[in-house]
């Protein structure tokens, strides 16, 4: 018991020789949940663990996508409208709209999918 009092003094930042009078009514150990239940509750509510699980699921989905032969196109769209009044040789109102649909295919990417 003396060793535990020394550790408690150390943890609380008190001098190690400080005398502690513990309440005799308080039981020495508190009831805790079963180990598996405590671990399950802690891992289900810890934000870093939840974030790490989401990253793992994201990586697994990327691996599944890389292993499939599904073609996922790159789609880009761009639009612009301009109005100008001070340049007489250019049109006052003009607009641009671009739509691009592309695919990148290389033997290196296909070889890595087959591996």
Foldseek 3Di string as FASTA:
>chain_A
DLVVLQVVCVVVVHPSPDDDDDDPVDDPDDDDDPPVVVVVVCLVPDVVNVVVVVVVVVVVVVLVVLLDPDFDKDKDKDKDWAADDPDVVDDGIDMDIDIDIDGDDDPVSVVVSVD
